[in-house]
All heavy atoms as atom14 arrays in JSON, in Angstrom:
{
  "sequence": "MVNVPVPAYTKGDVIRGLIEKNWMPRLEEFKPEMIFIS",
  "atom14_mask": [
    [1, 1, 1, 1, 1, 1, 1, 1, 0, 0, 0, 0, 0, 0],
    [1, 1, 1, 1, 1, 1, 1, 0, 0, 0, 0, 0, 0, 0],
    [1, 1, 1, 1, 1, 1, 1, 1, 0, 0, 0, 0, 0, 0],
    [1, 1, 1, 1, 1, 1, 1, 0, 0, 0, 0, 0, 0, 0],
    [1, 1, 1, 1, 1, 1, 1, 0, 0, 0, 0, 0, 0, 0],
    [1, 1, 1, 1, 1, 1, 1, 0, 0, 0, 0, 0, 0, 0],
    [1, 1, 1, 1, 1, 1, 1, 0, 0, 0, 0, 0, 0, 0],
    [1, 1, 1, 1, 1, 0, 0, 0, 0, 0, 0, 0, 0, 0],
    [1, 1, 1, 1, 1, 1, 1, 1, 1, 1, 1, 1, 0, 0],
    [1, 1, 1, 1, 1, 1, 1, 0, 0, 0, 0, 0, 0, 0],
    [1, 1, 1, 1, 1, 1, 1, 1, 1, 0, 0, 0, 0, 0],
    [1, 1, 1, 1, 0, 0, 0, 0, 0, 0, 0, 0, 0, 0],
    [1, 1, 1, 1, 1, 1, 1, 1, 0, 0, 0, 0, 0, 0],
    [1, 1, 1, 1, 1, 1, 1, 0, 0, 0, 0, 0, 0, 0],
    [1, 1, 1, 1, 1, 1, 1, 1, 0, 0, 0, 0, 0, 0],
    [1, 1, 1, 1, 1, 1, 1, 1, 1, 1, 1, 0, 0, 0],
    [1, 1, 1, 1, 0, 0, 0, 0, 0, 0, 0, 0, 0, 0],
    [1, 1, 1, 1, 1, 1, 1, 1, 0, 0, 0, 0, 0, 0],
    [1, 1, 1, 1, 1, 1, 1, 1, 0, 0, 0, 0, 0, 0],
    [1, 1, 1, 1, 1, 1, 1, 1, 1, 0, 0, 0, 0, 0],
    [1, 1, 1, 1, 1, 1, 1, 1, 1, 0, 0, 0, 0, 0],
    [1, 1, 1, 1, 1, 1, 1, 1, 0, 0, 0, 0, 0, 0],
    [1, 1, 1, 1, 1, 1, 1, 1, 1, 1, 1, 1, 1, 1],
    [1, 1, 1, 1, 1, 1, 1, 1, 0, 0, 0, 0, 0, 0],
    [1, 1, 1, 1, 1, 1, 1, 0, 0, 0, 0, 0, 0, 0],
    [1, 1, 1, 1, 1, 1, 1, 1, 1, 1, 1, 0, 0, 0],
    [1, 1, 1, 1, 1, 1, 1, 1, 0, 0, 0, 0, 0, 0],
    [1, 1, 1, 1, 1, 1, 1, 1, 1, 0, 0, 0, 0, 0],
    [1, 1, 1, 1, 1, 1, 1, 1, 1, 0, 0, 0, 0, 0],
    [1, 1, 1, 1, 1, 1, 1, 1, 1, 1, 1, 0, 0, 0],
    [1, 1, 1, 1, 1, 1, 1, 1, 1, 0, 0, 0, 0, 0],
    [1, 1, 1, 1, 1, 1, 1, 0, 0, 0, 0, 0, 0, 0],
    [1, 1, 1, 1, 1, 1, 1, 1, 1, 0, 0, 0, 0, 0],
    [1, 1, 1, 1, 1, 1, 1, 1, 0, 0, 0, 0, 0, 0],
    [1, 1, 1, 1, 1, 1, 1, 1, 0, 0, 0, 0, 0, 0],
    [1, 1, 1, 1, 1, 1, 1, 1, 1, 1, 1, 0, 0, 0],
    [1, 1, 1, 1, 1, 1, 1, 1, 0, 0, 0, 0, 0, 0],
    [1, 1, 1, 1, 1, 1, 0, 0, 0, 0, 0, 0, 0, 0]
  ],
  "atom14_positions": [
    [[-8.4, -1.59, 9.55], [-7.98, -0.33, 8.93], [-6.56, 0.01, 9.39], [-6.31, 0.12, 10.6], [-8.93, 0.8, 9.34], [-10.36, 0.6, 8.89], [-10.54, 0.85, 7.1], [-11.83, -0.37, 6.72], [0.0, 0.0, 0.0], [0.0, 0.0, 0.0], [0.0, 0.0, 0.0], [0.0, 0.0, 0.0], [0.0, 0.0, 0.0], [0.0, 0.0, 0.0]],
    [[-5.65, 0.16, 8.45], [-4.27, 0.57, 8.75], [-4.1, 1.98, 8.22], [-3.8, 2.2, 7.04], [-3.25, -0.39, 8.13], [-1.83, 0.05, 8.48], [-3.5, -1.82, 8.59], [0.0, 0.0, 0.0], [0.0, 0.0, 0.0], [0.0, 0.0, 0.0], [0.0, 0.0, 0.0], [0.0, 0.0, 0.0], [0.0, 0.0, 0.0], [0.0, 0.0, 0.0]],
    [[-4.35, 2.97, 9.06], [-4.31, 4.37, 8.67], [-2.96, 4.97, 9.09], [-2.55, 4.84, 10.23], [-5.43, 5.15, 9.35], [-6.8, 4.71, 8.87], [-6.94, 4.08, 7.83], [-7.83, 5.03, 9.64], [0.0, 0.0, 0.0], [0.0, 0.0, 0.0], [0.0, 0.0, 0.0], [0.0, 0.0, 0.0], [0.0, 0.0, 0.0], [0.0, 0.0, 0.0]],
    [[-2.33, 5.67, 8.14], [-1.03, 6.29, 8.42], [-1.15, 7.78, 8.11], [-0.89, 8.22, 6.99], [0.09, 5.64, 7.58], [1.45, 6.23, 7.97], [0.1, 4.12, 7.76], [0.0, 0.0, 0.0], [0.0, 0.0, 0.0], [0.0, 0.0, 0.0], [0.0, 0.0, 0.0], [0.0, 0.0, 0.0], [0.0, 0.0, 0.0], [0.0, 0.0, 0.0]],
    [[-1.57, 8.6, 9.08], [-1.64, 10.04, 8.87], [-0.24, 10.66, 8.93], [0.58, 10.27, 9.77], [-2.52, 10.52, 10.03], [-2.39, 9.49, 11.08], [-2.07, 8.19, 10.41], [0.0, 0.0, 0.0], [0.0, 0.0, 0.0], [0.0, 0.0, 0.0], [0.0, 0.0, 0.0], [0.0, 0.0, 0.0], [0.0, 0.0, 0.0], [0.0, 0.0, 0.0]],
    [[0.02, 11.59, 8.02], [1.33, 12.25, 7.99], [1.12, 13.76, 7.91], [0.13, 14.22, 7.35], [2.2, 11.77, 6.81], [2.49, 10.29, 6.92], [1.55, 12.08, 5.47], [0.0, 0.0, 0.0], [0.0, 0.0, 0.0], [0.0, 0.0, 0.0], [0.0, 0.0, 0.0], [0.0, 0.0, 0.0], [0.0, 0.0, 0.0], [0.0, 0.0, 0.0]],
    [[2.05, 14.54, 8.46], [1.88, 16.0, 8.41], [2.15, 16.57, 7.03], [2.79, 15.94, 6.18], [2.92, 16.49, 9.42], [3.95, 15.42, 9.48], [3.22, 14.14, 9.25], [0.0, 0.0, 0.0], [0.0, 0.0, 0.0], [0.0, 0.0, 0.0], [0.0, 0.0, 0.0], [0.0, 0.0, 0.0], [0.0, 0.0, 0.0], [0.0, 0.0, 0.0]],
    [[1.65, 17.78, 6.8], [1.93, 18.49, 5.56], [3.43, 18.56, 5.31], [4.23, 18.6, 6.26], [1.34, 19.89, 5.62], [0.0, 0.0, 0.0], [0.0, 0.0, 0.0], [0.0, 0.0, 0.0], [0.0, 0.0, 0.0], [0.0, 0.0, 0.0], [0.0, 0.0, 0.0], [0.0, 0.0, 0.0], [0.0, 0.0, 0.0], [0.0, 0.0, 0.0]],
    [[3.8, 18.54, 4.04], [5.18, 18.68, 3.55], [6.02, 17.42, 3.77], [7.23, 17.46, 3.57], [5.85, 19.92, 4.15], [5.0, 21.16, 3.96], [4.38, 21.77, 5.03], [4.74, 21.65, 2.68], [3.56, 22.87, 4.86], [3.92, 22.76, 2.49], [3.33, 23.35, 3.59], [2.51, 24.44, 3.4], [0.0, 0.0, 0.0], [0.0, 0.0, 0.0]],
    [[5.4, 16.31, 4.14], [6.12, 15.05, 4.2], [6.52, 14.64, 2.79], [5.72, 14.69, 1.86], [5.25, 13.95, 4.84], [4.84, 14.38, 6.13], [6.03, 12.65, 4.97], [0.0, 0.0, 0.0], [0.0, 0.0, 0.0], [0.0, 0.0, 0.0], [0.0, 0.0, 0.0], [0.0, 0.0, 0.0], [0.0, 0.0, 0.0], [0.0, 0.0, 0.0]],
    [[7.76, 14.2, 2.63], [8.28, 13.86, 1.3], [8.28, 12.35, 1.09], [8.03, 11.56, 2.0], [9.68, 14.43, 1.13], [9.68, 15.96, 1.09], [11.06, 16.52, 0.79], [11.03, 18.04, 0.71], [12.37, 18.62, 0.45], [0.0, 0.0, 0.0], [0.0, 0.0, 0.0], [0.0, 0.0, 0.0], [0.0, 0.0, 0.0], [0.0, 0.0, 0.0]],
    [[8.62, 11.98, -0.13], [8.49, 10.6, -0.56], [9.32, 9.61, 0.23], [8.87, 8.49, 0.49], [0.0, 0.0, 0.0], [0.0, 0.0, 0.0], [0.0, 0.0, 0.0], [0.0, 0.0, 0.0], [0.0, 0.0, 0.0], [0.0, 0.0, 0.0], [0.0, 0.0, 0.0], [0.0, 0.0, 0.0], [0.0, 0.0, 0.0], [0.0, 0.0, 0.0]],
    [[10.55, 9.98, 0.61], [11.4, 9.02, 1.3], [10.8, 8.65, 2.65], [10.83, 7.48, 3.07], [12.82, 9.56, 1.46], [12.89, 10.89, 2.2], [11.87, 11.61, 2.26], [13.98, 11.22, 2.72], [0.0, 0.0, 0.0], [0.0, 0.0, 0.0], [0.0, 0.0, 0.0], [0.0, 0.0, 0.0], [0.0, 0.0, 0.0], [0.0, 0.0, 0.0]],
    [[10.21, 9.62, 3.34], [9.57, 9.35, 4.63], [8.33, 8.49, 4.42], [8.09, 7.52, 5.17], [9.21, 10.67, 5.34], [8.43, 10.4, 6.62], [10.48, 11.47, 5.63], [0.0, 0.0, 0.0], [0.0, 0.0, 0.0], [0.0, 0.0, 0.0], [0.0, 0.0, 0.0], [0.0, 0.0, 0.0], [0.0, 0.0, 0.0], [0.0, 0.0, 0.0]],
    [[7.54, 8.81, 3.42], [6.33, 8.03, 3.15], [6.67, 6.6, 2.77], [6.02, 5.65, 3.23], [5.49, 8.74, 2.06], [4.82, 9.98, 2.68], [4.47, 7.8, 1.44], [4.06, 10.84, 1.73], [0.0, 0.0, 0.0], [0.0, 0.0, 0.0], [0.0, 0.0, 0.0], [0.0, 0.0, 0.0], [0.0, 0.0, 0.0], [0.0, 0.0, 0.0]],
    [[7.73, 6.4, 2.0], [8.13, 5.03, 1.66], [8.48, 4.24, 2.92], [8.11, 3.07, 3.07], [9.33, 5.05, 0.71], [9.02, 5.61, -0.67], [10.18, 5.39, -1.62], [10.09, 6.2, -2.82], [10.77, 5.97, -3.93], [11.62, 4.94, -3.98], [10.64, 6.75, -4.99], [0.0, 0.0, 0.0], [0.0, 0.0, 0.0], [0.0, 0.0, 0.0]],
    [[9.21, 4.88, 3.84], [9.57, 4.21, 5.08], [8.35, 3.85, 5.91], [8.28, 2.75, 6.5], [0.0, 0.0, 0.0], [0.0, 0.0, 0.0], [0.0, 0.0, 0.0], [0.0, 0.0, 0.0], [0.0, 0.0, 0.0], [0.0, 0.0, 0.0], [0.0, 0.0, 0.0], [0.0, 0.0, 0.0], [0.0, 0.0, 0.0], [0.0, 0.0, 0.0]],
    [[7.37, 4.74, 5.97], [6.15, 4.47, 6.73], [5.33, 3.36, 6.1], [4.71, 2.54, 6.8], [5.31, 5.75, 6.84], [5.91, 6.84, 7.74], [5.16, 8.15, 7.55], [5.88, 6.41, 9.2], [0.0, 0.0, 0.0], [0.0, 0.0, 0.0], [0.0, 0.0, 0.0], [0.0, 0.0, 0.0], [0.0, 0.0, 0.0], [0.0, 0.0, 0.0]],
    [[5.32, 3.3, 4.78], [4.62, 2.22, 4.09], [5.28, 0.88, 4.4], [4.6, -0.11, 4.71], [4.58, 2.49, 2.58], [3.58, 3.61, 2.27], [4.25, 1.23, 1.78], [3.6, 4.11, 0.85], [0.0, 0.0, 0.0], [0.0, 0.0, 0.0], [0.0, 0.0, 0.0], [0.0, 0.0, 0.0], [0.0, 0.0, 0.0], [0.0, 0.0, 0.0]],
    [[6.6, 0.83, 4.35], [7.31, -0.42, 4.66], [7.03, -0.87, 6.09], [6.83, -2.06, 6.35], [8.82, -0.24, 4.45], [9.24, -0.1, 3.01], [9.13, -1.39, 2.21], [8.72, -2.43, 2.77], [9.43, -1.37, 1.01], [0.0, 0.0, 0.0], [0.0, 0.0, 0.0], [0.0, 0.0, 0.0], [0.0, 0.0, 0.0], [0.0, 0.0, 0.0]],
    [[6.96, 0.08, 6.98], [6.78, -0.25, 8.4], [5.35, -0.62, 8.73], [5.1, -1.54, 9.54], [7.23, 0.94, 9.26], [7.04, 0.72, 10.75], [7.47, 1.96, 11.54], [7.23, 1.77, 13.04], [7.62, 2.98, 13.8], [0.0, 0.0, 0.0], [0.0, 0.0, 0.0], [0.0, 0.0, 0.0], [0.0, 0.0, 0.0], [0.0, 0.0, 0.0]],
    [[4.38, 0.07, 8.13], [2.98, -0.06, 8.55], [2.12, -0.9, 7.61], [1.32, -1.71, 8.08], [2.36, 1.33, 8.71], [2.98, 2.12, 9.83], [2.64, 1.92, 11.0], [3.89, 3.03, 9.51], [0.0, 0.0, 0.0], [0.0, 0.0, 0.0], [0.0, 0.0, 0.0], [0.0, 0.0, 0.0], [0.0, 0.0, 0.0], [0.0, 0.0, 0.0]],
    [[2.26, -0.68, 6.29], [1.41, -1.41, 5.36], [1.87, -2.84, 5.13], [1.09, -3.78, 5.17], [1.39, -0.73, 3.99], [0.66, 0.54, 3.85], [0.06, 1.29, 4.83], [0.47, 1.24, 2.61], [-0.48, 2.42, 4.26], [-0.25, 2.41, 2.92], [0.84, 0.98, 1.3], [-0.62, 3.33, 1.93], [0.49, 1.89, 0.32], [-0.23, 3.05, 0.63]],
    [[3.17, -2.96, 4.83], [3.64, -4.22, 4.26], [3.47, -5.41, 5.2], [3.03, -6.48, 4.76], [5.08, -4.08, 3.78], [5.29, -2.97, 2.74], [4.07, -2.97, 1.39], [4.44, -4.51, 0.59], [0.0, 0.0, 0.0], [0.0, 0.0, 0.0], [0.0, 0.0, 0.0], [0.0, 0.0, 0.0], [0.0, 0.0, 0.0], [0.0, 0.0, 0.0]],
    [[3.78, -5.29, 6.5], [3.57, -6.44, 7.37], [2.11, -6.88, 7.44], [1.81, -8.08, 7.47], [4.06, -5.95, 8.74], [5.0, -4.83, 8.43], [4.44, -4.17, 7.22], [0.0, 0.0, 0.0], [0.0, 0.0, 0.0], [0.0, 0.0, 0.0], [0.0, 0.0, 0.0], [0.0, 0.0, 0.0], [0.0, 0.0, 0.0], [0.0, 0.0, 0.0]],
    [[1.19, -5.91, 7.45], [-0.24, -6.27, 7.51], [-0.7, -6.91, 6.2], [-1.5, -7.86, 6.22], [-1.08, -5.04, 7.84], [-0.94, -4.54, 9.26], [-1.49, -5.54, 10.29], [-2.9, -5.84, 10.09], [-3.9, -5.12, 10.59], [-3.64, -4.03, 11.32], [-5.15, -5.47, 10.37], [0.0, 0.0, 0.0], [0.0, 0.0, 0.0], [0.0, 0.0, 0.0]],
    [[-0.25, -6.4, 5.07], [-0.61, -7.01, 3.8], [-0.05, -8.43, 3.7], [-0.74, -9.35, 3.25], [-0.1, -6.16, 2.63], [-0.85, -4.84, 2.4], [-0.07, -3.94, 1.45], [-2.26, -5.1, 1.85], [0.0, 0.0, 0.0], [0.0, 0.0, 0.0], [0.0, 0.0, 0.0], [0.0, 0.0, 0.0], [0.0, 0.0, 0.0], [0.0, 0.0, 0.0]],
    [[1.18, -8.63, 4.13], [1.78, -9.96, 4.12], [1.01, -10.92, 5.02], [0.77, -12.08, 4.67], [3.24, -9.88, 4.57], [4.18, -9.2, 3.59], [4.66, -10.15, 2.5], [4.47, -11.37, 2.64], [5.25, -9.67, 1.51], [0.0, 0.0, 0.0], [0.0, 0.0, 0.0], [0.0, 0.0, 0.0], [0.0, 0.0, 0.0], [0.0, 0.0, 0.0]],
    [[0.62, -10.44, 6.17], [-0.13, -11.27, 7.12], [-1.52, -11.61, 6.58], [-2.02, -12.73, 6.76], [-0.25, -10.53, 8.45], [-1.05, -11.24, 9.51], [-1.28, -10.38, 10.75], [-1.1, -9.15, 10.67], [-1.66, -10.95, 11.78], [0.0, 0.0, 0.0], [0.0, 0.0, 0.0], [0.0, 0.0, 0.0], [0.0, 0.0, 0.0], [0.0, 0.0, 0.0]],
    [[-2.14, -10.66, 5.9], [-3.52, -10.81, 5.41], [-3.6, -11.74, 4.2], [-4.59, -12.43, 4.0], [-4.08, -9.43, 5.08], [-5.54, -9.41, 4.75], [-6.5, -9.73, 5.71], [-5.98, -9.05, 3.48], [-7.85, -9.68, 5.42], [-7.33, -9.0, 3.17], [-8.27, -9.32, 4.15], [0.0, 0.0, 0.0], [0.0, 0.0, 0.0], [0.0, 0.0, 0.0]],
    [[-2.57, -11.72, 3.35], [-2.52, -12.56, 2.14], [-3.76, -12.33, 1.25], [-4.56, -13.25, 1.02], [-2.38, -14.04, 2.49], [-1.12, -14.38, 3.27], [-1.05, -15.85, 3.62], [0.26, -16.21, 4.29], [0.53, -15.47, 5.54], [0.0, 0.0, 0.0], [0.0, 0.0, 0.0], [0.0, 0.0, 0.0], [0.0, 0.0, 0.0], [0.0, 0.0, 0.0]],
    [[-3.92, -11.14, 0.72], [-5.14, -10.84, -0.05], [-5.24, -11.66, -1.33], [-4.23, -11.97, -1.97], [-4.98, -9.35, -0.38], [-3.5, -9.12, -0.36], [-2.97, -10.01, 0.72], [0.0, 0.0, 0.0], [0.0, 0.0, 0.0], [0.0, 0.0, 0.0], [0.0, 0.0, 0.0], [0.0, 0.0, 0.0], [0.0, 0.0, 0.0], [0.0, 0.0, 0.0]],
    [[-6.47, -11.99, -1.7], [-6.72, -12.7, -2.95], [-6.94, -11.74, -4.12], [-6.93, -12.16, -5.28], [-7.93, -13.61, -2.78], [-7.73, -14.69, -1.74], [-9.01, -15.43, -1.41], [-9.95, -14.8, -0.88], [-9.07, -16.63, -1.7], [0.0, 0.0, 0.0], [0.0, 0.0, 0.0], [0.0, 0.0, 0.0], [0.0, 0.0, 0.0], [0.0, 0.0, 0.0]],
    [[-7.17, -10.47, -3.82], [-7.26, -9.41, -4.82], [-6.95, -8.11, -4.12], [-7.24, -7.95, -2.93], [-8.64, -9.36, -5.48], [-8.83, -8.2, -6.45], [-10.42, -8.24, -7.34], [-9.95, -9.23, -8.75], [0.0, 0.0, 0.0], [0.0, 0.0, 0.0], [0.0, 0.0, 0.0], [0.0, 0.0, 0.0], [0.0, 0.0, 0.0], [0.0, 0.0, 0.0]],
    [[-6.34, -7.18, -4.86], [-6.01, -5.87, -4.3], [-6.69, -4.79, -5.15], [-6.59, -4.79, -6.38], [-4.5, -5.62, -4.26], [-3.81, -6.69, -3.39], [-4.19, -4.22, -3.72], [-2.29, -6.58, -3.37], [0.0, 0.0, 0.0], [0.0, 0.0, 0.0], [0.0, 0.0, 0.0], [0.0, 0.0, 0.0], [0.0, 0.0, 0.0], [0.0, 0.0, 0.0]],
    [[-7.38, -3.88, -4.47], [-7.93, -2.69, -5.09], [-7.07, -1.5, -4.7], [-6.56, -1.44, -3.58], [-9.36, -2.45, -4.63], [-10.35, -3.45, -5.15], [-10.51, -4.67, -4.51], [-11.11, -3.18, -6.28], [-11.41, -5.61, -4.99], [-12.01, -4.12, -6.76], [-12.16, -5.34, -6.11], [0.0, 0.0, 0.0], [0.0, 0.0, 0.0], [0.0, 0.0, 0.0]],
    [[-6.93, -0.55, -5.61], [-6.19, 0.68, -5.32], [-7.11, 1.87, -5.52], [-7.7, 2.04, -6.6], [-4.95, 0.84, -6.23], [-4.02, -0.38, -6.09], [-4.2, 2.12, -5.88], [-2.83, -0.34, -7.05], [0.0, 0.0, 0.0], [0.0, 0.0, 0.0], [0.0, 0.0, 0.0], [0.0, 0.0, 0.0], [0.0, 0.0, 0.0], [0.0, 0.0, 0.0]],
    [[-7.28, 2.67, -4.47], [-7.87, 4.0, -4.62], [-6.72, 4.93, -4.99], [-5.97, 5.41, -4.13], [-8.54, 4.43, -3.31], [-9.85, 3.95, -3.24], [0.0, 0.0, 0.0], [0.0, 0.0, 0.0], [0.0, 0.0, 0.0], [0.0, 0.0, 0.0], [0.0, 0.0, 0.0], [0.0, 0.0, 0.0], [0.0, 0.0, 0.0], [0.0, 0.0, 0.0]]
  ]
}
């Protein structure tokens, strides 16, 4: 589980940076065969 909690009023530019830092390396490492989106 890669959970990225953020405080209220966080804007898109900050969220994009956190996604690049936290999600993308793990997704690249995992190499999924299918992706689901909630």
